Amino acid sequence: MPETAPRVVMLKSVDTLRDAVSGPLTDRCGTQARMLTAELHGDEVRGLALCPGRVVRFVMDAQTSRLSTVDLLRLTQASRKPAA
């Protein structure tokens, strides 16, 4: 049975994924941003992160390092006073 060549992946380890995403994520969300997950999907790194006051989903193009984020949950302060 012939062996097939392993798929060449630019980002190979979890640490490499975290390092690649942490810079752009910090630029976008601030120094308190914390990455929860990071997964490689083809040429994209996708995951979730906690940013101050929100949970975001991010997608980073592994070749261009372009990061896009979408808020999944945003915490706000109550604008009304509770009844009683």
N, C-alpha and C. Protein backbone atom coordinates (compact mmCIF):
# COMPACT_ATOMS: atom_id res chain seq x y z
N MET A 1 0.83 -1.17 0.00
CA MET A 1 0.00 0.00 0.00
C MET A 1 0.89 1.24 0.00
N PRO A 2 0.82 2.07 -1.04
CA PRO A 2 1.70 3.24 -1.10
C PRO A 2 1.27 4.29 -0.07
N GLU A 3 2.29 4.91 0.50
CA GLU A 3 2.01 5.97 1.46
C GLU A 3 1.77 7.27 0.72
N THR A 4 0.79 8.01 1.18
CA THR A 4 0.56 9.32 0.58
C THR A 4 1.32 10.36 1.37
N ALA A 5 1.74 11.40 0.70
CA ALA A 5 2.47 12.47 1.37
C ALA A 5 1.54 13.18 2.34
N PRO A 6 2.02 13.49 3.54
CA PRO A 6 1.17 14.20 4.49
C PRO A 6 0.82 15.58 3.96
N ARG A 7 -0.38 16.01 4.28
CA ARG A 7 -0.84 17.32 3.84
C ARG A 7 0.01 18.40 4.50
N VAL A 8 0.54 19.29 3.71
CA VAL A 8 1.38 20.36 4.23
C VAL A 8 0.47 21.44 4.78
N VAL A 9 0.63 21.73 6.05
CA VAL A 9 -0.18 22.73 6.71
C VAL A 9 0.75 23.81 7.25
N MET A 10 0.41 25.06 6.94
CA MET A 10 1.26 26.15 7.38
C MET A 10 1.30 26.24 8.91
N LEU A 11 0.15 26.04 9.55
CA LEU A 11 0.07 26.12 11.00
C LEU A 11 -0.13 24.71 11.53
N LYS A 12 0.87 24.17 12.21
CA LYS A 12 0.85 22.76 12.54
C LYS A 12 0.40 22.44 13.97
N SER A 13 0.73 23.24 14.94
CA SER A 13 0.43 22.88 16.31
C SER A 13 -0.54 23.89 16.93
N VAL A 14 -1.11 23.51 18.06
CA VAL A 14 -2.01 24.39 18.78
C VAL A 14 -1.27 25.65 19.22
N ASP A 15 -0.04 25.49 19.66
CA ASP A 15 0.74 26.66 20.08
C ASP A 15 0.98 27.61 18.92
N THR A 16 1.24 27.07 17.74
CA THR A 16 1.43 27.89 16.56
C THR A 16 0.15 28.63 16.21
N LEU A 17 -0.99 27.94 16.31
CA LEU A 17 -2.28 28.59 16.05
C LEU A 17 -2.50 29.74 17.03
N ARG A 18 -2.26 29.47 18.30
CA ARG A 18 -2.45 30.51 19.32
C ARG A 18 -1.53 31.71 19.07
N ASP A 19 -0.28 31.44 18.76
CA ASP A 19 0.67 32.52 18.50
C ASP A 19 0.25 33.35 17.28
N ALA A 20 -0.22 32.67 16.24
CA ALA A 20 -0.60 33.36 15.01
C ALA A 20 -1.83 34.25 15.22
N VAL A 21 -2.76 33.83 16.06
CA VAL A 21 -4.01 34.56 16.25
C VAL A 21 -3.90 35.60 17.35
N SER A 22 -3.06 35.38 18.33
CA SER A 22 -3.03 36.25 19.51
C SER A 22 -2.69 37.70 19.17
N GLY A 23 -1.77 37.95 18.25
CA GLY A 23 -1.41 39.32 17.89
C GLY A 23 -2.57 40.08 17.27
N PRO A 24 -3.15 39.58 16.17
CA PRO A 24 -4.30 40.27 15.58
C PRO A 24 -5.51 40.36 16.51
N LEU A 25 -5.70 39.34 17.35
CA LEU A 25 -6.82 39.36 18.29
C LEU A 25 -6.61 40.45 19.34
N THR A 26 -5.39 40.59 19.83
CA THR A 26 -5.08 41.65 20.79
C THR A 26 -5.25 43.02 20.15
N ASP A 27 -4.85 43.17 18.90
CA ASP A 27 -5.04 44.44 18.20
C ASP A 27 -6.51 44.79 18.06
N ARG A 28 -7.34 43.79 17.80
CA ARG A 28 -8.77 44.01 17.56
C ARG A 28 -9.54 44.20 18.86
N CYS A 29 -9.23 43.40 19.90
CA CYS A 29 -10.07 43.36 21.11
C CYS A 29 -9.39 43.90 22.37
N GLY A 30 -8.11 44.21 22.32
CA GLY A 30 -7.42 44.71 23.49
C GLY A 30 -6.58 43.64 24.18
N THR A 31 -5.81 44.08 25.15
CA THR A 31 -4.87 43.18 25.81
C THR A 31 -5.54 42.16 26.73
N GLN A 32 -6.80 42.39 27.10
CA GLN A 32 -7.49 41.44 27.98
C GLN A 32 -8.19 40.32 27.21
N ALA A 33 -8.06 40.28 25.91
CA ALA A 33 -8.69 39.23 25.10
C ALA A 33 -8.07 37.88 25.42
N ARG A 34 -8.92 36.86 25.55
CA ARG A 34 -8.46 35.50 25.84
C ARG A 34 -9.08 34.54 24.83
N MET A 35 -8.24 33.78 24.18
CA MET A 35 -8.69 32.83 23.19
C MET A 35 -9.22 31.58 23.89
N LEU A 36 -10.42 31.14 23.52
CA LEU A 36 -10.99 29.92 24.08
C LEU A 36 -10.68 28.72 23.21
N THR A 37 -10.90 28.86 21.90
CA THR A 37 -10.65 27.77 20.96
C THR A 37 -9.96 28.30 19.72
N ALA A 38 -9.23 27.43 19.05
CA ALA A 38 -8.62 27.75 17.76
C ALA A 38 -8.51 26.46 16.97
N GLU A 39 -9.11 26.44 15.78
CA GLU A 39 -9.10 25.24 14.94
C GLU A 39 -8.71 25.62 13.53
N LEU A 40 -7.98 24.74 12.90
CA LEU A 40 -7.56 24.96 11.52
C LEU A 40 -8.57 24.32 10.58
N HIS A 41 -9.10 25.11 9.66
CA HIS A 41 -10.05 24.64 8.65
C HIS A 41 -9.53 25.08 7.29
N GLY A 42 -8.76 24.22 6.64
CA GLY A 42 -8.18 24.59 5.35
C GLY A 42 -7.18 25.72 5.53
N ASP A 43 -7.43 26.84 4.87
CA ASP A 43 -6.55 28.00 4.98
C ASP A 43 -7.02 29.00 6.02
N GLU A 44 -7.97 28.62 6.86
CA GLU A 44 -8.51 29.52 7.87
C GLU A 44 -8.30 28.96 9.27
N VAL A 45 -8.12 29.86 10.21
CA VAL A 45 -8.12 29.51 11.63
C VAL A 45 -9.40 30.10 12.20
N ARG A 46 -10.24 29.25 12.80
CA ARG A 46 -11.51 29.70 13.36
C ARG A 46 -11.52 29.41 14.85
N GLY A 47 -12.24 30.24 15.59
CA GLY A 47 -12.33 29.99 17.02
C GLY A 47 -13.20 30.98 17.75
N LEU A 48 -13.16 30.86 19.07
CA LEU A 48 -13.92 31.72 19.97
C LEU A 48 -12.95 32.41 20.91
N ALA A 49 -13.31 33.62 21.32
CA ALA A 49 -12.47 34.36 22.25
C ALA A 49 -13.35 35.17 23.19
N LEU A 50 -12.83 35.38 24.40
CA LEU A 50 -13.47 36.27 25.36
C LEU A 50 -12.77 37.61 25.29
N CYS A 51 -13.53 38.65 25.04
CA CYS A 51 -13.02 40.00 25.05
C CYS A 51 -13.78 40.74 26.14
N PRO A 52 -13.27 41.85 26.64
CA PRO A 52 -13.98 42.55 27.70
C PRO A 52 -15.43 42.86 27.31
N GLY A 53 -16.38 42.26 28.03
CA GLY A 53 -17.79 42.52 27.81
C GLY A 53 -18.43 41.77 26.66
N ARG A 54 -17.71 40.85 26.02
CA ARG A 54 -18.31 40.14 24.89
C ARG A 54 -17.60 38.82 24.60
N VAL A 55 -18.32 37.97 23.90
CA VAL A 55 -17.78 36.72 23.38
C VAL A 55 -17.79 36.86 21.86
N VAL A 56 -16.66 36.61 21.22
CA VAL A 56 -16.56 36.80 19.77
C VAL A 56 -16.15 35.51 19.08
N ARG A 57 -16.62 35.37 17.85
CA ARG A 57 -16.17 34.31 16.96
C ARG A 57 -15.18 34.97 16.01
N PHE A 58 -14.04 34.35 15.77
CA PHE A 58 -13.06 34.93 14.85
C PHE A 58 -12.73 33.96 13.73
N VAL A 59 -12.36 34.54 12.61
CA VAL A 59 -11.87 33.78 11.46
C VAL A 59 -10.64 34.53 10.96
N MET A 60 -9.52 33.81 10.87
CA MET A 60 -8.29 34.43 10.38
C MET A 60 -7.80 33.67 9.16
N ASP A 61 -7.54 34.40 8.09
CA ASP A 61 -6.95 33.80 6.89
C ASP A 61 -5.48 33.52 7.21
N ALA A 62 -5.08 32.27 7.15
CA ALA A 62 -3.73 31.87 7.55
C ALA A 62 -2.66 32.44 6.64
N GLN A 63 -2.99 32.74 5.40
CA GLN A 63 -1.99 33.26 4.47
C GLN A 63 -1.80 34.76 4.60
N THR A 64 -2.88 35.50 4.80
CA THR A 64 -2.78 36.97 4.86
C THR A 64 -2.83 37.51 6.28
N SER A 65 -3.13 36.68 7.27
CA SER A 65 -3.27 37.07 8.67
C SER A 65 -4.37 38.10 8.88
N ARG A 66 -5.35 38.12 7.99
CA ARG A 66 -6.49 39.03 8.13
C ARG A 66 -7.49 38.39 9.09
N LEU A 67 -7.85 39.13 10.14
CA LEU A 67 -8.74 38.62 11.17
C LEU A 67 -10.08 39.33 11.09
N SER A 68 -11.15 38.55 11.09
CA SER A 68 -12.49 39.13 11.16
C SER A 68 -13.18 38.55 12.39
N THR A 69 -13.98 39.39 13.06
CA THR A 69 -14.66 38.96 14.28
C THR A 69 -16.14 39.28 14.18
N VAL A 70 -16.93 38.47 14.89
CA VAL A 70 -18.38 38.67 14.99
C VAL A 70 -18.75 38.49 16.45
N ASP A 71 -19.48 39.46 17.00
CA ASP A 71 -19.93 39.35 18.38
C ASP A 71 -21.03 38.29 18.48
N LEU A 72 -20.85 37.33 19.36
CA LEU A 72 -21.88 36.33 19.63
C LEU A 72 -22.70 36.72 20.85
N LEU A 73 -22.06 37.38 21.79
CA LEU A 73 -22.72 37.82 23.01
C LEU A 73 -22.07 39.11 23.47
N ARG A 74 -22.88 40.11 23.77
CA ARG A 74 -22.37 41.38 24.26
C ARG A 74 -23.07 41.71 25.57
N LEU A 75 -22.30 41.98 26.60
CA LEU A 75 -22.86 42.34 27.90
C LEU A 75 -23.04 43.84 27.97
N THR A 76 -24.18 44.27 28.43
CA THR A 76 -24.45 45.70 28.57
C THR A 76 -24.94 45.97 29.98
N GLN A 77 -24.93 47.23 30.35
CA GLN A 77 -25.46 47.61 31.64
C GLN A 77 -26.94 47.91 31.50
N ALA A 78 -27.70 47.62 32.54
CA ALA A 78 -29.12 47.87 32.52
C ALA A 78 -29.40 49.36 32.42
N SER A 79 -30.31 49.73 31.53
CA SER A 79 -30.64 51.14 31.38
C SER A 79 -31.91 51.49 32.16
N ARG A 80 -32.59 50.48 32.70
CA ARG A 80 -33.80 50.72 33.47
C ARG A 80 -33.57 50.35 34.93
N LYS A 81 -34.30 50.98 35.79
CA LYS A 81 -34.27 50.61 37.20
C LYS A 81 -35.26 49.48 37.41
N PRO A 82 -34.90 48.47 38.21
CA PRO A 82 -35.84 47.37 38.45
C PRO A 82 -37.08 47.85 39.22
N ALA A 83 -38.19 47.21 38.95
CA ALA A 83 -39.43 47.55 39.65
C ALA A 83 -39.36 47.06 41.09
N ALA A 84 -39.80 47.90 41.98
CA ALA A 84 -39.86 47.61 43.42
C ALA A 84 -38.53 47.36 43.96
